Amino acid sequence: MGKAPEDIPPQGQEGPEFVIVQPSAGSQSSLVKLDGHRLKNVIYINLQIEYDGGPVILENVSFINCSFVLQQNDNSSSLAKAVFASTPTSFTAQPS
């Protein structure tokens, strides 16, 4: 069965402008691993962000009141510089 016309987004509008990710109510902490993901138009709020230096693509990603756990390597250093240089962040890391 096909979608009703009102369920089909207009051309050029495939989804929400931004996706907001934050801990659920009552959660003390939540962990997000960045390695191996391609993320676009995401806003992370009050999360622990972990990055081991693997491949990742971030496009227009914001981090609000987040803490970071980064392995000591070149990709992690580059990510840290990108995150603290601008909001939102765009960053690409290739496999080491």
N, C-alpha and C. Protein backbone atom coordinates (compact mmCIF):
# COMPACT_ATOMS: atom_id res chain seq x y z
N MET A 1 0.84 -1.17 0.00
CA MET A 1 0.00 0.00 0.00
C MET A 1 0.89 1.24 0.00
N GLY A 2 0.62 2.21 -0.85
CA GLY A 2 1.43 3.42 -0.95
C GLY A 2 1.09 4.43 0.12
N LYS A 3 1.92 5.45 0.21
CA LYS A 3 1.68 6.51 1.18
C LYS A 3 0.61 7.46 0.66
N ALA A 4 -0.18 7.98 1.58
CA ALA A 4 -1.13 9.01 1.22
C ALA A 4 -0.36 10.27 0.87
N PRO A 5 -0.87 11.10 -0.06
CA PRO A 5 -0.13 12.31 -0.47
C PRO A 5 0.28 13.20 0.69
N GLU A 6 -0.56 13.28 1.74
CA GLU A 6 -0.20 14.15 2.87
C GLU A 6 0.95 13.59 3.70
N ASP A 7 1.28 12.28 3.52
CA ASP A 7 2.38 11.66 4.24
C ASP A 7 3.72 11.80 3.51
N ILE A 8 3.69 12.28 2.30
CA ILE A 8 4.91 12.41 1.50
C ILE A 8 5.43 13.83 1.66
N PRO A 9 6.67 13.99 2.17
CA PRO A 9 7.20 15.35 2.35
C PRO A 9 7.37 16.03 1.00
N PRO A 10 7.18 17.36 0.96
CA PRO A 10 7.41 18.08 -0.29
C PRO A 10 8.83 17.86 -0.79
N GLN A 11 9.01 17.94 -2.09
CA GLN A 11 10.33 17.71 -2.68
C GLN A 11 11.34 18.68 -2.07
N GLY A 12 12.50 18.14 -1.70
CA GLY A 12 13.54 18.95 -1.07
C GLY A 12 13.43 18.99 0.44
N GLN A 13 12.36 18.45 1.01
CA GLN A 13 12.18 18.40 2.46
C GLN A 13 12.04 16.94 2.87
N GLU A 14 13.16 16.31 3.16
CA GLU A 14 13.16 14.88 3.44
C GLU A 14 13.05 14.54 4.91
N GLY A 15 13.12 15.50 5.78
CA GLY A 15 13.06 15.21 7.21
C GLY A 15 13.18 16.50 8.00
N PRO A 16 13.38 16.35 9.30
CA PRO A 16 13.49 17.55 10.13
C PRO A 16 14.76 18.33 9.82
N GLU A 17 14.72 19.62 10.08
CA GLU A 17 15.89 20.47 9.83
C GLU A 17 17.04 20.07 10.75
N PHE A 18 16.75 19.78 12.01
CA PHE A 18 17.75 19.34 12.98
C PHE A 18 17.19 18.18 13.79
N VAL A 19 18.09 17.34 14.29
CA VAL A 19 17.73 16.28 15.22
C VAL A 19 18.39 16.63 16.54
N ILE A 20 17.60 16.65 17.62
CA ILE A 20 18.12 16.97 18.95
C ILE A 20 18.25 15.67 19.73
N VAL A 21 19.44 15.43 20.28
CA VAL A 21 19.71 14.23 21.06
C VAL A 21 20.08 14.66 22.47
N GLN A 22 19.33 14.16 23.46
CA GLN A 22 19.59 14.50 24.85
C GLN A 22 19.16 13.33 25.73
N PRO A 23 19.67 13.27 26.97
CA PRO A 23 19.30 12.17 27.85
C PRO A 23 17.80 12.15 28.11
N SER A 24 17.26 10.95 28.32
CA SER A 24 15.85 10.85 28.67
C SER A 24 15.65 11.32 30.10
N ALA A 25 14.43 11.66 30.42
CA ALA A 25 14.10 12.15 31.77
C ALA A 25 14.51 11.11 32.81
N GLY A 26 15.18 11.57 33.85
CA GLY A 26 15.60 10.69 34.93
C GLY A 26 16.94 10.01 34.69
N SER A 27 17.48 10.13 33.49
CA SER A 27 18.78 9.52 33.18
C SER A 27 19.89 10.37 33.77
N GLN A 28 20.85 9.73 34.43
CA GLN A 28 21.94 10.48 35.04
C GLN A 28 23.01 10.85 34.02
N SER A 29 23.28 9.98 33.08
CA SER A 29 24.24 10.31 32.03
C SER A 29 23.99 9.42 30.83
N SER A 30 24.35 9.91 29.68
CA SER A 30 24.22 9.15 28.45
C SER A 30 25.48 9.32 27.64
N LEU A 31 25.90 8.24 27.00
CA LEU A 31 27.14 8.21 26.24
C LEU A 31 26.83 8.10 24.75
N VAL A 32 27.53 8.89 23.96
CA VAL A 32 27.42 8.83 22.51
C VAL A 32 28.82 8.62 21.95
N LYS A 33 29.00 7.56 21.16
CA LYS A 33 30.28 7.30 20.49
C LYS A 33 30.20 7.85 19.07
N LEU A 34 31.18 8.64 18.68
CA LEU A 34 31.17 9.26 17.36
C LEU A 34 31.80 8.38 16.27
N ASP A 35 32.72 7.51 16.65
CA ASP A 35 33.47 6.72 15.67
C ASP A 35 32.54 5.97 14.72
N GLY A 36 32.85 6.05 13.42
CA GLY A 36 32.13 5.27 12.42
C GLY A 36 30.80 5.85 11.97
N HIS A 37 30.50 7.10 12.37
CA HIS A 37 29.21 7.68 12.01
C HIS A 37 29.36 8.86 11.06
N ARG A 38 28.30 9.09 10.29
CA ARG A 38 28.16 10.30 9.49
C ARG A 38 26.95 11.02 10.07
N LEU A 39 27.18 12.20 10.63
CA LEU A 39 26.13 12.94 11.33
C LEU A 39 25.96 14.31 10.69
N LYS A 40 24.72 14.66 10.40
CA LYS A 40 24.44 15.95 9.79
C LYS A 40 23.25 16.60 10.49
N ASN A 41 23.39 17.87 10.83
CA ASN A 41 22.33 18.66 11.45
C ASN A 41 21.83 18.03 12.75
N VAL A 42 22.78 17.71 13.64
CA VAL A 42 22.46 17.10 14.93
C VAL A 42 22.88 18.06 16.04
N ILE A 43 22.05 18.15 17.08
CA ILE A 43 22.37 18.94 18.26
C ILE A 43 22.40 17.98 19.45
N TYR A 44 23.58 17.83 20.07
CA TYR A 44 23.73 17.01 21.27
C TYR A 44 23.67 17.91 22.49
N ILE A 45 22.85 17.54 23.47
CA ILE A 45 22.67 18.35 24.68
C ILE A 45 22.90 17.48 25.91
N ASN A 46 23.77 17.94 26.82
CA ASN A 46 24.00 17.29 28.12
C ASN A 46 24.41 15.82 27.99
N LEU A 47 25.31 15.51 27.09
CA LEU A 47 25.75 14.14 26.87
C LEU A 47 27.24 14.00 27.06
N GLN A 48 27.68 12.78 27.30
CA GLN A 48 29.11 12.47 27.29
C GLN A 48 29.44 11.97 25.89
N ILE A 49 30.36 12.64 25.23
CA ILE A 49 30.73 12.32 23.86
C ILE A 49 32.07 11.60 23.89
N GLU A 50 32.13 10.41 23.29
CA GLU A 50 33.36 9.61 23.27
C GLU A 50 33.84 9.46 21.83
N TYR A 51 35.14 9.66 21.64
CA TYR A 51 35.73 9.53 20.30
C TYR A 51 37.11 8.91 20.44
N ASP A 52 37.31 7.79 19.72
CA ASP A 52 38.58 7.06 19.79
C ASP A 52 39.52 7.38 18.64
N GLY A 53 39.08 8.23 17.70
CA GLY A 53 39.95 8.62 16.59
C GLY A 53 39.66 7.91 15.29
N GLY A 54 38.56 7.16 15.24
CA GLY A 54 38.19 6.44 14.02
C GLY A 54 37.55 7.35 12.99
N PRO A 55 37.18 6.76 11.85
CA PRO A 55 36.54 7.57 10.81
C PRO A 55 35.21 8.15 11.30
N VAL A 56 34.96 9.39 10.96
CA VAL A 56 33.72 10.06 11.33
C VAL A 56 33.54 11.26 10.39
N ILE A 57 32.29 11.58 10.10
CA ILE A 57 31.97 12.79 9.35
C ILE A 57 30.91 13.53 10.14
N LEU A 58 31.20 14.77 10.50
CA LEU A 58 30.26 15.64 11.19
C LEU A 58 29.97 16.83 10.29
N GLU A 59 28.71 17.09 10.04
CA GLU A 59 28.31 18.25 9.25
C GLU A 59 27.27 19.03 10.03
N ASN A 60 27.62 20.24 10.42
CA ASN A 60 26.68 21.11 11.10
C ASN A 60 26.16 20.48 12.39
N VAL A 61 27.09 19.99 13.22
CA VAL A 61 26.75 19.32 14.48
C VAL A 61 27.11 20.25 15.65
N SER A 62 26.19 20.38 16.60
CA SER A 62 26.41 21.24 17.77
C SER A 62 26.45 20.40 19.04
N PHE A 63 27.29 20.84 19.98
CA PHE A 63 27.42 20.19 21.28
C PHE A 63 27.13 21.24 22.34
N ILE A 64 26.06 21.04 23.11
CA ILE A 64 25.66 22.01 24.13
C ILE A 64 25.78 21.33 25.49
N ASN A 65 26.63 21.88 26.35
CA ASN A 65 26.84 21.37 27.70
C ASN A 65 27.22 19.88 27.70
N CYS A 66 28.08 19.50 26.78
CA CYS A 66 28.54 18.11 26.68
C CYS A 66 29.94 17.98 27.25
N SER A 67 30.27 16.78 27.74
CA SER A 67 31.65 16.49 28.13
C SER A 67 32.22 15.53 27.10
N PHE A 68 33.54 15.55 26.97
CA PHE A 68 34.21 14.76 25.93
C PHE A 68 35.24 13.83 26.55
N VAL A 69 35.28 12.60 26.03
CA VAL A 69 36.32 11.63 26.37
C VAL A 69 36.98 11.29 25.05
N LEU A 70 38.23 11.76 24.88
CA LEU A 70 38.95 11.60 23.61
C LEU A 70 40.23 10.81 23.83
N GLN A 71 40.48 9.83 22.97
CA GLN A 71 41.76 9.13 22.99
C GLN A 71 42.83 10.08 22.48
N GLN A 72 44.05 9.92 22.94
CA GLN A 72 45.13 10.80 22.50
C GLN A 72 45.68 10.30 21.17
N ASN A 73 45.25 10.97 20.09
CA ASN A 73 45.76 10.69 18.75
C ASN A 73 45.49 11.91 17.88
N ASP A 74 46.00 11.89 16.66
CA ASP A 74 45.88 13.05 15.78
C ASP A 74 44.42 13.38 15.43
N ASN A 75 43.61 12.35 15.13
CA ASN A 75 42.21 12.62 14.78
C ASN A 75 41.45 13.23 15.95
N SER A 76 41.68 12.76 17.16
CA SER A 76 41.00 13.32 18.33
C SER A 76 41.42 14.76 18.57
N SER A 77 42.71 15.05 18.37
CA SER A 77 43.18 16.43 18.51
C SER A 77 42.51 17.34 17.48
N SER A 78 42.39 16.84 16.26
CA SER A 78 41.74 17.63 15.20
C SER A 78 40.26 17.84 15.50
N LEU A 79 39.60 16.81 16.03
CA LEU A 79 38.19 16.96 16.40
C LEU A 79 38.05 18.02 17.50
N ALA A 80 38.88 17.95 18.51
CA ALA A 80 38.80 18.92 19.61
C ALA A 80 38.97 20.34 19.08
N LYS A 81 39.91 20.54 18.19
CA LYS A 81 40.12 21.88 17.61
C LYS A 81 38.89 22.33 16.84
N ALA A 82 38.28 21.42 16.07
CA ALA A 82 37.10 21.77 15.28
C ALA A 82 35.91 22.11 16.17
N VAL A 83 35.71 21.33 17.23
CA VAL A 83 34.58 21.55 18.13
C VAL A 83 34.72 22.89 18.84
N PHE A 84 35.92 23.20 19.32
CA PHE A 84 36.10 24.44 20.07
C PHE A 84 36.30 25.66 19.19
N ALA A 85 36.51 25.45 17.89
CA ALA A 85 36.71 26.58 16.98
C ALA A 85 35.39 27.18 16.51
N SER A 86 34.35 26.37 16.41
CA SER A 86 33.10 26.91 15.89
C SER A 86 31.91 26.07 16.33
N THR A 87 30.76 26.72 16.36
CA THR A 87 29.50 26.03 16.59
C THR A 87 28.56 26.49 15.50
N PRO A 88 27.99 25.63 14.74
CA PRO A 88 28.11 24.18 14.75
C PRO A 88 29.43 23.72 14.14
N THR A 89 29.75 22.44 14.34
CA THR A 89 31.02 21.85 13.91
C THR A 89 30.84 21.04 12.64
N SER A 90 31.83 21.15 11.75
CA SER A 90 31.94 20.26 10.60
C SER A 90 33.34 19.67 10.67
N PHE A 91 33.45 18.35 10.52
CA PHE A 91 34.73 17.66 10.71
C PHE A 91 34.68 16.32 9.99
N THR A 92 35.81 15.94 9.39
CA THR A 92 35.93 14.62 8.75
C THR A 92 37.23 14.00 9.17
N ALA A 93 37.20 12.74 9.61
CA ALA A 93 38.41 11.98 9.94
C ALA A 93 38.39 10.70 9.11
N GLN A 94 39.50 10.44 8.46
CA GLN A 94 39.68 9.22 7.69
C GLN A 94 40.29 8.16 8.60
N PRO A 95 40.19 6.89 8.21
CA PRO A 95 40.86 5.83 9.00
C PRO A 95 42.34 6.11 9.11
N SER A 96 42.90 5.82 10.27
CA SER A 96 44.34 6.05 10.49
C SER A 96 45.17 5.04 9.76
